[in-house]
Amino acid sequence: NYGYANSGYSACEEENDRLTESLRHKVTAIKSLSI
């Protein structure tokens, strides 16, 4: 992955995915609340 260590990159990807999913849930909740 372009010079990043596999273990460090996958940990960052997992955290990114987790944060993205959390953000998606928050956006969905805000959308339903605004409706």
Full PDB file with SEQRES, HELIX, SHEET, SSBOND, CRYST1, ORIGX, SCALE, CONECT and MASTER records, all heavy atoms in Angstrom:
SEQRES   1 A   35  ASN TYR GLY TYR ALA ASN SER GLY TYR SER ALA CYS GLU          
SEQRES   2 A   35  GLU GLU ASN ASP ARG LEU THR GLU SER LEU ARG HIS LYS          
SEQRES   3 A   35  VAL THR ALA ILE LYS SER LEU SER ILE                          
HELIX    1 AA1 ASN A    6  SER A   34  1                                  29    
CRYST1    1.000    1.000    1.000  90.00  90.00  90.00 P 1           1          
ORIGX1      1.000000  0.000000  0.000000        0.00000                         
ORIGX2      0.000000  1.000000  0.000000        0.00000                         
ORIGX3      0.000000  0.000000  1.000000        0.00000                         
SCALE1      1.000000  0.000000  0.000000        0.00000                         
SCALE2      0.000000  1.000000  0.000000        0.00000                         
SCALE3      0.000000  0.000000  1.000000        0.00000                         
ATOM      1  N   ASN A   1       0.804  -1.216   0.000  1.00  0.00           N  
ATOM      2  CA  ASN A   1       0.000   0.000   0.000  1.00  0.00           C  
ATOM      3  C   ASN A   1       0.839   1.268   0.000  1.00  0.00           C  
ATOM      4  O   ASN A   1       0.708   2.137   0.847  1.00  0.00           O  
ATOM      5  CB  ASN A   1      -0.960   0.006   1.190  1.00  0.00           C  
ATOM      6  CG  ASN A   1      -1.874  -1.190   1.184  1.00  0.00           C  
ATOM      7  OD1 ASN A   1      -2.347  -1.603   0.137  1.00  0.00           O  
ATOM      8  ND2 ASN A   1      -2.096  -1.768   2.341  1.00  0.00           N  
ATOM      9  N   TYR A   2       1.776   1.342  -0.903  1.00  0.00           N  
ATOM     10  CA  TYR A   2       2.582   2.538  -1.151  1.00  0.00           C  
ATOM     11  C   TYR A   2       3.418   2.968   0.052  1.00  0.00           C  
ATOM     12  O   TYR A   2       3.417   4.106   0.459  1.00  0.00           O  
ATOM     13  CB  TYR A   2       1.711   3.699  -1.625  1.00  0.00           C  
ATOM     14  CG  TYR A   2       1.005   3.372  -2.901  1.00  0.00           C  
ATOM     15  CD1 TYR A   2      -0.331   3.014  -2.888  1.00  0.00           C  
ATOM     16  CD2 TYR A   2       1.674   3.376  -4.110  1.00  0.00           C  
ATOM     17  CE1 TYR A   2      -0.991   2.690  -4.057  1.00  0.00           C  
ATOM     18  CE2 TYR A   2       1.026   3.049  -5.281  1.00  0.00           C  
ATOM     19  CZ  TYR A   2      -0.304   2.705  -5.251  1.00  0.00           C  
ATOM     20  OH  TYR A   2      -0.940   2.376  -6.411  1.00  0.00           O  
ATOM     21  N   GLY A   3       4.097   2.091   0.613  1.00  0.00           N  
ATOM     22  CA  GLY A   3       5.078   2.416   1.623  1.00  0.00           C  
ATOM     23  C   GLY A   3       4.599   2.347   3.058  1.00  0.00           C  
ATOM     24  O   GLY A   3       5.375   2.575   3.966  1.00  0.00           O  
ATOM     25  N   TYR A   4       3.330   2.069   3.297  1.00  0.00           N  
ATOM     26  CA  TYR A   4       2.846   1.939   4.670  1.00  0.00           C  
ATOM     27  C   TYR A   4       2.945   0.486   5.083  1.00  0.00           C  
ATOM     28  O   TYR A   4       2.722  -0.421   4.301  1.00  0.00           O  
ATOM     29  CB  TYR A   4       1.385   2.386   4.794  1.00  0.00           C  
ATOM     30  CG  TYR A   4       1.204   3.848   4.523  1.00  0.00           C  
ATOM     31  CD1 TYR A   4       0.628   4.283   3.339  1.00  0.00           C  
ATOM     32  CD2 TYR A   4       1.617   4.804   5.444  1.00  0.00           C  
ATOM     33  CE1 TYR A   4       0.472   5.628   3.080  1.00  0.00           C  
ATOM     34  CE2 TYR A   4       1.468   6.143   5.191  1.00  0.00           C  
ATOM     35  CZ  TYR A   4       0.895   6.558   4.010  1.00  0.00           C  
ATOM     36  OH  TYR A   4       0.742   7.872   3.759  1.00  0.00           O  
ATOM     37  N   ALA A   5       3.262   0.275   6.356  1.00  0.00           N  
ATOM     38  CA  ALA A   5       3.333  -1.094   6.854  1.00  0.00           C  
ATOM     39  C   ALA A   5       1.937  -1.697   6.818  1.00  0.00           C  
ATOM     40  O   ALA A   5       0.954  -1.020   7.091  1.00  0.00           O  
ATOM     41  CB  ALA A   5       3.885  -1.103   8.274  1.00  0.00           C  
ATOM     42  N   ASN A   6       1.825  -2.963   6.485  1.00  0.00           N  
ATOM     43  CA  ASN A   6       0.526  -3.617   6.362  1.00  0.00           C  
ATOM     44  C   ASN A   6      -0.284  -3.517   7.640  1.00  0.00           C  
ATOM     45  O   ASN A   6      -1.467  -3.235   7.608  1.00  0.00           O  
ATOM     46  CB  ASN A   6       0.716  -5.088   5.987  1.00  0.00           C  
ATOM     47  CG  ASN A   6       1.045  -5.250   4.522  1.00  0.00           C  
ATOM     48  OD1 ASN A   6       0.702  -4.406   3.720  1.00  0.00           O  
ATOM     49  ND2 ASN A   6       1.725  -6.342   4.200  1.00  0.00           N  
ATOM     50  N   SER A   7       0.303  -3.788   8.759  1.00  0.00           N  
ATOM     51  CA  SER A   7      -0.443  -3.789  10.012  1.00  0.00           C  
ATOM     52  C   SER A   7      -0.917  -2.383  10.370  1.00  0.00           C  
ATOM     53  O   SER A   7      -2.048  -2.181  10.793  1.00  0.00           O  
ATOM     54  CB  SER A   7       0.403  -4.371  11.139  1.00  0.00           C  
ATOM     55  OG  SER A   7       1.542  -3.549  11.343  1.00  0.00           O  
ATOM     56  N   GLY A   8      -0.116  -1.384  10.184  1.00  0.00           N  
ATOM     57  CA  GLY A   8      -0.501  -0.007  10.506  1.00  0.00           C  
ATOM     58  C   GLY A   8      -1.576   0.510   9.566  1.00  0.00           C  
ATOM     59  O   GLY A   8      -2.509   1.192   9.967  1.00  0.00           O  
ATOM     60  N   TYR A   9      -1.444   0.171   8.293  1.00  0.00           N  
ATOM     61  CA  TYR A   9      -2.409   0.628   7.301  1.00  0.00           C  
ATOM     62  C   TYR A   9      -3.770  -0.007   7.533  1.00  0.00           C  
ATOM     63  O   TYR A   9      -4.785   0.671   7.475  1.00  0.00           O  
ATOM     64  CB  TYR A   9      -1.900   0.301   5.897  1.00  0.00           C  
ATOM     65  CG  TYR A   9      -2.837   0.787   4.818  1.00  0.00           C  
ATOM     66  CD1 TYR A   9      -2.884   2.137   4.491  1.00  0.00           C  
ATOM     67  CD2 TYR A   9      -3.662  -0.099   4.140  1.00  0.00           C  
ATOM     68  CE1 TYR A   9      -3.749   2.591   3.504  1.00  0.00           C  
ATOM     69  CE2 TYR A   9      -4.524   0.345   3.159  1.00  0.00           C  
ATOM     70  CZ  TYR A   9      -4.564   1.695   2.839  1.00  0.00           C  
ATOM     71  OH  TYR A   9      -5.408   2.133   1.866  1.00  0.00           O  
ATOM     72  N   SER A  10      -3.793  -1.307   7.822  1.00  0.00           N  
ATOM     73  CA  SER A  10      -5.073  -1.985   8.048  1.00  0.00           C  
ATOM     74  C   SER A  10      -5.735  -1.471   9.330  1.00  0.00           C  
ATOM     75  O   SER A  10      -6.960  -1.357   9.393  1.00  0.00           O  
ATOM     76  CB  SER A  10      -4.894  -3.494   8.083  1.00  0.00           C  
ATOM     77  OG  SER A  10      -4.095  -3.874   9.183  1.00  0.00           O  
ATOM     78  N   ALA A  11      -4.946  -1.130  10.331  1.00  0.00           N  
ATOM     79  CA  ALA A  11      -5.523  -0.572  11.560  1.00  0.00           C  
ATOM     80  C   ALA A  11      -6.156   0.783  11.266  1.00  0.00           C  
ATOM     81  O   ALA A  11      -7.260   1.091  11.744  1.00  0.00           O  
ATOM     82  CB  ALA A  11      -4.453  -0.441  12.636  1.00  0.00           C  
ATOM     83  N   CYS A  12      -5.477   1.589  10.464  1.00  0.00           N  
ATOM     84  CA  CYS A  12      -6.034   2.886  10.076  1.00  0.00           C  
ATOM     85  C   CYS A  12      -7.292   2.703   9.237  1.00  0.00           C  
ATOM     86  O   CYS A  12      -8.278   3.444   9.400  1.00  0.00           O  
ATOM     87  CB  CYS A  12      -5.008   3.704   9.305  1.00  0.00           C  
ATOM     88  SG  CYS A  12      -3.687   4.376  10.332  1.00  0.00           S  
ATOM     89  N   GLU A  13      -7.281   1.730   8.326  1.00  0.00           N  
ATOM     90  CA  GLU A  13      -8.452   1.458   7.498  1.00  0.00           C  
ATOM     91  C   GLU A  13      -9.638   1.010   8.345  1.00  0.00           C  
ATOM     92  O   GLU A  13     -10.757   1.442   8.129  1.00  0.00           O  
ATOM     93  CB  GLU A  13      -8.136   0.371   6.461  1.00  0.00           C  
ATOM     94  CG  GLU A  13      -7.541   0.854   5.179  1.00  0.00           C  
ATOM     95  CD  GLU A  13      -8.477   1.760   4.402  1.00  0.00           C  
ATOM     96  OE1 GLU A  13      -9.671   1.432   4.244  1.00  0.00           O  
ATOM     97  OE2 GLU A  13      -8.004   2.816   3.962  1.00  0.00           O  
ATOM     98  N   GLU A  14      -9.370   0.140   9.319  1.00  0.00           N  
ATOM     99  CA  GLU A  14     -10.440  -0.342  10.197  1.00  0.00           C  
ATOM    100  C   GLU A  14     -11.023   0.809  11.007  1.00  0.00           C  
ATOM    101  O   GLU A  14     -12.245   0.926  11.153  1.00  0.00           O  
ATOM    102  CB  GLU A  14      -9.909  -1.438  11.120  1.00  0.00           C  
ATOM    103  CG  GLU A  14      -9.642  -2.743  10.421  1.00  0.00           C  
ATOM    104  CD  GLU A  14      -8.981  -3.760  11.342  1.00  0.00           C  
ATOM    105  OE1 GLU A  14      -8.911  -3.507  12.564  1.00  0.00           O  
ATOM    106  OE2 GLU A  14      -8.546  -4.807  10.822  1.00  0.00           O  
ATOM    107  N   GLU A  15     -10.151   1.656  11.530  1.00  0.00           N  
ATOM    108  CA  GLU A  15     -10.640   2.808  12.298  1.00  0.00           C  
ATOM    109  C   GLU A  15     -11.417   3.757  11.392  1.00  0.00           C  
ATOM    110  O   GLU A  15     -12.462   4.285  11.775  1.00  0.00           O  
ATOM    111  CB  GLU A  15      -9.467   3.551  12.946  1.00  0.00           C  
ATOM    112  CG  GLU A  15      -9.923   4.693  13.836  1.00  0.00           C  
ATOM    113  CD  GLU A  15      -8.770   5.388  14.534  1.00  0.00           C  
ATOM    114  OE1 GLU A  15      -7.608   4.988  14.366  1.00  0.00           O  
ATOM    115  OE2 GLU A  15      -9.067   6.359  15.254  1.00  0.00           O  
ATOM    116  N   ASN A  16     -10.910   3.959  10.181  1.00  0.00           N  
ATOM    117  CA  ASN A  16     -11.606   4.795   9.206  1.00  0.00           C  
ATOM    118  C   ASN A  16     -12.994   4.235   8.897  1.00  0.00           C  
ATOM    119  O   ASN A  16     -13.977   4.979   8.841  1.00  0.00           O  
ATOM    120  CB  ASN A  16     -10.793   4.879   7.919  1.00  0.00           C  
ATOM    121  CG  ASN A  16     -10.413   6.276   7.575  1.00  0.00           C  
ATOM    122  OD1 ASN A  16     -10.760   7.207   8.275  1.00  0.00           O  
ATOM    123  ND2 ASN A  16      -9.684   6.423   6.477  1.00  0.00           N  
ATOM    124  N   ASP A  17     -13.068   2.923   8.675  1.00  0.00           N  
ATOM    125  CA  ASP A  17     -14.349   2.279   8.399  1.00  0.00           C  
ATOM    126  C   ASP A  17     -15.308   2.423   9.577  1.00  0.00           C  
ATOM    127  O   ASP A  17     -16.495   2.699   9.390  1.00  0.00           O  
ATOM    128  CB  ASP A  17     -14.147   0.798   8.066  1.00  0.00           C  
ATOM    129  CG  ASP A  17     -13.470   0.580   6.729  1.00  0.00           C  
ATOM    130  OD1 ASP A  17     -13.462   1.544   5.909  1.00  0.00           O  
ATOM    131  OD2 ASP A  17     -12.936  -0.520   6.509  1.00  0.00           O  
ATOM    132  N   ARG A  18     -14.769   2.228  10.783  1.00  0.00           N  
ATOM    133  CA  ARG A  18     -15.594   2.357  11.987  1.00  0.00           C  
ATOM    134  C   ARG A  18     -16.114   3.784  12.137  1.00  0.00           C  
ATOM    135  O   ARG A  18     -17.306   3.998  12.399  1.00  0.00           O  
ATOM    136  CB  ARG A  18     -14.770   1.964  13.219  1.00  0.00           C  
ATOM    137  CG  ARG A  18     -15.560   1.965  14.518  1.00  0.00           C  
ATOM    138  CD  ARG A  18     -14.689   1.587  15.709  1.00  0.00           C  
ATOM    139  NE  ARG A  18     -13.481   2.401  15.839  1.00  0.00           N  
ATOM    140  CZ  ARG A  18     -13.446   3.630  16.371  1.00  0.00           C  
ATOM    141  NH1 ARG A  18     -14.555   4.179  16.807  1.00  0.00           N  
ATOM    142  NH2 ARG A  18     -12.317   4.294  16.461  1.00  0.00           N  
ATOM    143  N   LEU A  19     -15.252   4.759  11.942  1.00  0.00           N  
ATOM    144  CA  LEU A  19     -15.662   6.156  12.052  1.00  0.00           C  
ATOM    145  C   LEU A  19     -16.645   6.539  10.951  1.00  0.00           C  
ATOM    146  O   LEU A  19     -17.600   7.294  11.185  1.00  0.00           O  
ATOM    147  CB  LEU A  19     -14.436   7.075  12.027  1.00  0.00           C  
ATOM    148  CG  LEU A  19     -13.523   7.010  13.255  1.00  0.00           C  
ATOM    149  CD1 LEU A  19     -12.279   7.849  13.038  1.00  0.00           C  
ATOM    150  CD2 LEU A  19     -14.264   7.457  14.504  1.00  0.00           C  
ATOM    151  N   THR A  20     -16.431   5.995   9.750  1.00  0.00           N  
ATOM    152  CA  THR A  20     -17.338   6.256   8.634  1.00  0.00           C  
ATOM    153  C   THR A  20     -18.720   5.690   8.927  1.00  0.00           C  
ATOM    154  O   THR A  20     -19.737   6.342   8.685  1.00  0.00           O  
ATOM    155  CB  THR A  20     -16.785   5.650   7.329  1.00  0.00           C  
ATOM    156  OG1 THR A  20     -15.488   6.186   7.084  1.00  0.00           O  
ATOM    157  CG2 THR A  20     -17.692   5.932   6.152  1.00  0.00           C  
ATOM    158  N   GLU A  21     -18.755   4.484   9.465  1.00  0.00           N  
ATOM    159  CA  GLU A  21     -20.036   3.859   9.810  1.00  0.00           C  
ATOM    160  C   GLU A  21     -20.739   4.646  10.919  1.00  0.00           C  
ATOM    161  O   GLU A  21     -21.958   4.848  10.873  1.00  0.00           O  
ATOM    162  CB  GLU A  21     -19.808   2.400  10.229  1.00  0.00           C  
ATOM    163  CG  GLU A  21     -21.068   1.575  10.303  1.00  0.00           C  
ATOM    164  CD  GLU A  21     -21.774   1.468   8.969  1.00  0.00           C  
ATOM    165  OE1 GLU A  21     -21.111   1.455   7.913  1.00  0.00           O  
ATOM    166  OE2 GLU A  21     -23.023   1.415   8.976  1.00  0.00           O  
ATOM    167  N   SER A  22     -19.978   5.084  11.913  1.00  0.00           N  
ATOM    168  CA  SER A  22     -20.545   5.894  12.989  1.00  0.00           C  
ATOM    169  C   SER A  22     -21.121   7.196  12.438  1.00  0.00           C  
ATOM    170  O   SER A  22     -22.217   7.607  12.802  1.00  0.00           O  
ATOM    171  CB  SER A  22     -19.468   6.188  14.038  1.00  0.00           C  
ATOM    172  OG  SER A  22     -19.929   7.102  14.994  1.00  0.00           O  
ATOM    173  N   LEU A  23     -20.380   7.818  11.535  1.00  0.00           N  
ATOM    174  CA  LEU A  23     -20.843   9.047  10.913  1.00  0.00           C  
ATOM    175  C   LEU A  23     -22.094   8.801  10.085  1.00  0.00           C  
ATOM    176  O   LEU A  23     -23.030   9.605  10.099  1.00  0.00           O  
ATOM    177  CB  LEU A  23     -19.728   9.640  10.047  1.00  0.00           C  
ATOM    178  CG  LEU A  23     -20.008  10.994   9.403  1.00  0.00           C  
ATOM    179  CD1 LEU A  23     -20.249  12.047  10.466  1.00  0.00           C  
ATOM    180  CD2 LEU A  23     -18.844  11.386   8.509  1.00  0.00           C  
ATOM    181  N   ARG A  24     -22.155   7.671   9.383  1.00  0.00           N  
ATOM    182  CA  ARG A  24     -23.321   7.327   8.579  1.00  0.00           C  
ATOM    183  C   ARG A  24     -24.556   7.179   9.465  1.00  0.00           C  
ATOM    184  O   ARG A  24     -25.637   7.664   9.124  1.00  0.00           O  
ATOM    185  CB  ARG A  24     -23.060   6.037   7.800  1.00  0.00           C  
ATOM    186  CG  ARG A  24     -24.210   5.649   6.874  1.00  0.00           C  
ATOM    187  CD  ARG A  24     -23.913   4.409   6.044  1.00  0.00           C  
ATOM    188  NE  ARG A  24     -22.824   4.694   5.109  1.00  0.00           N  
ATOM    189  CZ  ARG A  24     -21.698   3.996   5.038  1.00  0.00           C  
ATOM    190  NH1 ARG A  24     -21.498   2.983   5.852  1.00  0.00           N  
ATOM    191  NH2 ARG A  24     -20.767   4.306   4.164  1.00  0.00           N  
ATOM    192  N   HIS A  25     -24.398   6.530  10.628  1.00  0.00           N  
ATOM    193  CA  HIS A  25     -25.527   6.368  11.557  1.00  0.00           C  
ATOM    194  C   HIS A  25     -25.981   7.720  12.088  1.00  0.00           C  
ATOM    195  O   HIS A  25     -27.191   7.979  12.206  1.00  0.00           O  
ATOM    196  CB  HIS A  25     -25.155   5.443  12.713  1.00  0.00           C  
ATOM    197  CG  HIS A  25     -25.031   4.003  12.333  1.00  0.00           C  
ATOM    198  ND1 HIS A  25     -26.069   3.275  11.818  1.00  0.00           N  
ATOM    199  CD2 HIS A  25     -23.968   3.155  12.394  1.00  0.00           C  
ATOM    200  CE1 HIS A  25     -25.670   2.038  11.571  1.00  0.00           C  
ATOM    201  NE2 HIS A  25     -24.386   1.935  11.912  1.00  0.00           N  
ATOM    202  N   LYS A  26     -25.033   8.586  12.412  1.00  0.00           N  
ATOM    203  CA  LYS A  26     -25.391   9.913  12.924  1.00  0.00           C  
ATOM    204  C   LYS A  26     -26.112  10.739  11.868  1.00  0.00           C  
ATOM    205  O   LYS A  26     -27.094  11.414  12.160  1.00  0.00           O  
ATOM    206  CB  LYS A  26     -24.136  10.643  13.405  1.00  0.00           C  
ATOM    207  CG  LYS A  26     -23.570  10.059  14.683  1.00  0.00           C  
ATOM    208  CD  LYS A  26     -22.292  10.751  15.091  1.00  0.00           C  
ATOM    209  CE  LYS A  26     -21.681  10.090  16.324  1.00  0.00           C  
ATOM    210  NZ  LYS A  26     -20.412  10.710  16.697  1.00  0.00           N  
ATOM    211  N   VAL A  27     -25.637  10.673  10.632  1.00  0.00           N  
ATOM    212  CA  VAL A  27     -26.286  11.408   9.545  1.00  0.00           C  
ATOM    213  C   VAL A  27     -27.697  10.878   9.318  1.00  0.00           C  
ATOM    214  O   VAL A  27     -28.637  11.646   9.110  1.00  0.00           O  
ATOM    215  CB  VAL A  27     -25.438  11.333   8.249  1.00  0.00           C  
ATOM    216  CG1 VAL A  27     -26.222  11.802   7.046  1.00  0.00           C  
ATOM    217  CG2 VAL A  27     -24.168  12.139   8.407  1.00  0.00           C  
ATOM    218  N   THR A  28     -27.868   9.560   9.377  1.00  0.00           N  
ATOM    219  CA  THR A  28     -29.194   8.956   9.214  1.00  0.00           C  
ATOM    220  C   THR A  28     -30.132   9.415  10.321  1.00  0.00           C  
ATOM    221  O   THR A  28     -31.294   9.746  10.070  1.00  0.00           O  
ATOM    222  CB  THR A  28     -29.092   7.423   9.204  1.00  0.00           C  
ATOM    223  OG1 THR A  28     -28.187   7.028   8.167  1.00  0.00           O  
ATOM    224  CG2 THR A  28     -30.437   6.774   8.981  1.00  0.00           C  
ATOM    225  N   ALA A  29     -29.619   9.443  11.561  1.00  0.00           N  
ATOM    226  CA  ALA A  29     -30.441   9.891  12.687  1.00  0.00           C  
ATOM    227  C   ALA A  29     -30.828  11.359  12.528  1.00  0.00           C  
ATOM    228  O   ALA A  29     -31.986  11.733  12.762  1.00  0.00           O  
ATOM    229  CB  ALA A  29     -29.684   9.680  14.004  1.00  0.00           C  
ATOM    230  N   ILE A  30     -29.887  12.191  12.109  1.00  0.00           N  
ATOM    231  CA  ILE A  30     -30.179  13.611  11.918  1.00  0.00           C  
ATOM    232  C   ILE A  30     -31.174  13.807  10.778  1.00  0.00           C  
ATOM    233  O   ILE A  30     -32.075  14.643  10.871  1.00  0.00           O  
ATOM    234  CB  ILE A  30     -28.869  14.401  11.665  1.00  0.00           C  
ATOM    235  CG1 ILE A  30     -28.049  14.460  12.956  1.00  0.00           C  
ATOM    236  CG2 ILE A  30     -29.159  15.808  11.180  1.00  0.00           C  
ATOM    237  CD1 ILE A  30     -26.672  15.053  12.778  1.00  0.00           C  
ATOM    238  N   LYS A  31     -31.043  13.010   9.733  1.00  0.00           N  
ATOM    239  CA  LYS A  31     -31.967  13.101   8.602  1.00  0.00           C  
ATOM    240  C   LYS A  31     -33.385  12.747   9.042  1.00  0.00           C  
ATOM    241  O   LYS A  31     -34.337  13.467   8.729  1.00  0.00           O  
ATOM    242  CB  LYS A  31     -31.518  12.175   7.470  1.00  0.00           C  
ATOM    243  CG  LYS A  31     -32.432  12.215   6.272  1.00  0.00           C  
ATOM    244  CD  LYS A  31     -31.979  11.242   5.200  1.00  0.00           C  
ATOM    245  CE  LYS A  31     -32.962  11.206   4.048  1.00  0.00           C  
ATOM    246  NZ  LYS A  31     -32.567  10.206   3.055  1.00  0.00           N  
ATOM    247  N   SER A  32     -33.538  11.646   9.775  1.00  0.00           N  
ATOM    248  CA  SER A  32     -34.881  11.252  10.218  1.00  0.00           C  
ATOM    249  C   SER A  32     -35.448  12.283  11.195  1.00  0.00           C  
ATOM    250  O   SER A  32     -36.644  12.588  11.161  1.00  0.00           O  
ATOM    251  CB  SER A  32     -34.857   9.861  10.855  1.00  0.00           C  
ATOM    252  OG  SER A  32     -34.083   9.859  12.027  1.00  0.00           O  
ATOM    253  N   LEU A  33     -34.592  12.847  12.041  1.00  0.00           N  
ATOM    254  CA  LEU A  33     -35.038  13.874  12.972  1.00  0.00           C  
ATOM    255  C   LEU A  33     -35.497  15.122  12.228  1.00  0.00           C  
ATOM    256  O   LEU A  33     -36.533  15.702  12.554  1.00  0.00           O  
ATOM    257  CB  LEU A  33     -33.914  14.221  13.951  1.00  0.00           C  
ATOM    258  CG  LEU A  33     -34.256  15.204  15.064  1.00  0.00           C  
ATOM    259  CD1 LEU A  33     -35.345  14.643  15.957  1.00  0.00           C  
ATOM    260  CD2 LEU A  33     -33.010  15.502  15.877  1.00  0.00           C  
ATOM    261  N   SER A  34     -34.753  15.517  11.208  1.00  0.00           N  
ATOM    262  CA  SER A  34     -35.148  16.709  10.442  1.00  0.00           C  
ATOM    263  C   SER A  34     -36.445  16.457   9.670  1.00  0.00           C  
ATOM    264  O   SER A  34     -37.266  17.362   9.525  1.00  0.00           O  
ATOM    265  CB  SER A  34     -34.028  17.134   9.493  1.00  0.00           C  
ATOM    266  OG  SER A  34     -33.807  16.159   8.513  1.00  0.00           O  
ATOM    267  N   ILE A  35     -36.669  15.247   9.207  1.00  0.00           N  
ATOM    268  CA  ILE A  35     -37.929  14.914   8.530  1.00  0.00           C  
ATOM    269  C   ILE A  35     -39.082  15.000   9.512  1.00  0.00           C  
ATOM    270  O   ILE A  35     -40.143  15.556   9.207  1.00  0.00           O  
ATOM    271  CB  ILE A  35     -37.842  13.520   7.872  1.00  0.00           C  
ATOM    272  CG1 ILE A  35     -36.896  13.576   6.674  1.00  0.00           C  
ATOM    273  CG2 ILE A  35     -39.212  13.022   7.452  1.00  0.00           C  
ATOM    274  CD1 ILE A  35     -36.580  12.222   6.072  1.00  0.00           C  
TER     275      ILE A  35                                                      
MASTER        0    0    0    1    0    0    0    6  274    1    0    3          
END                                                                             
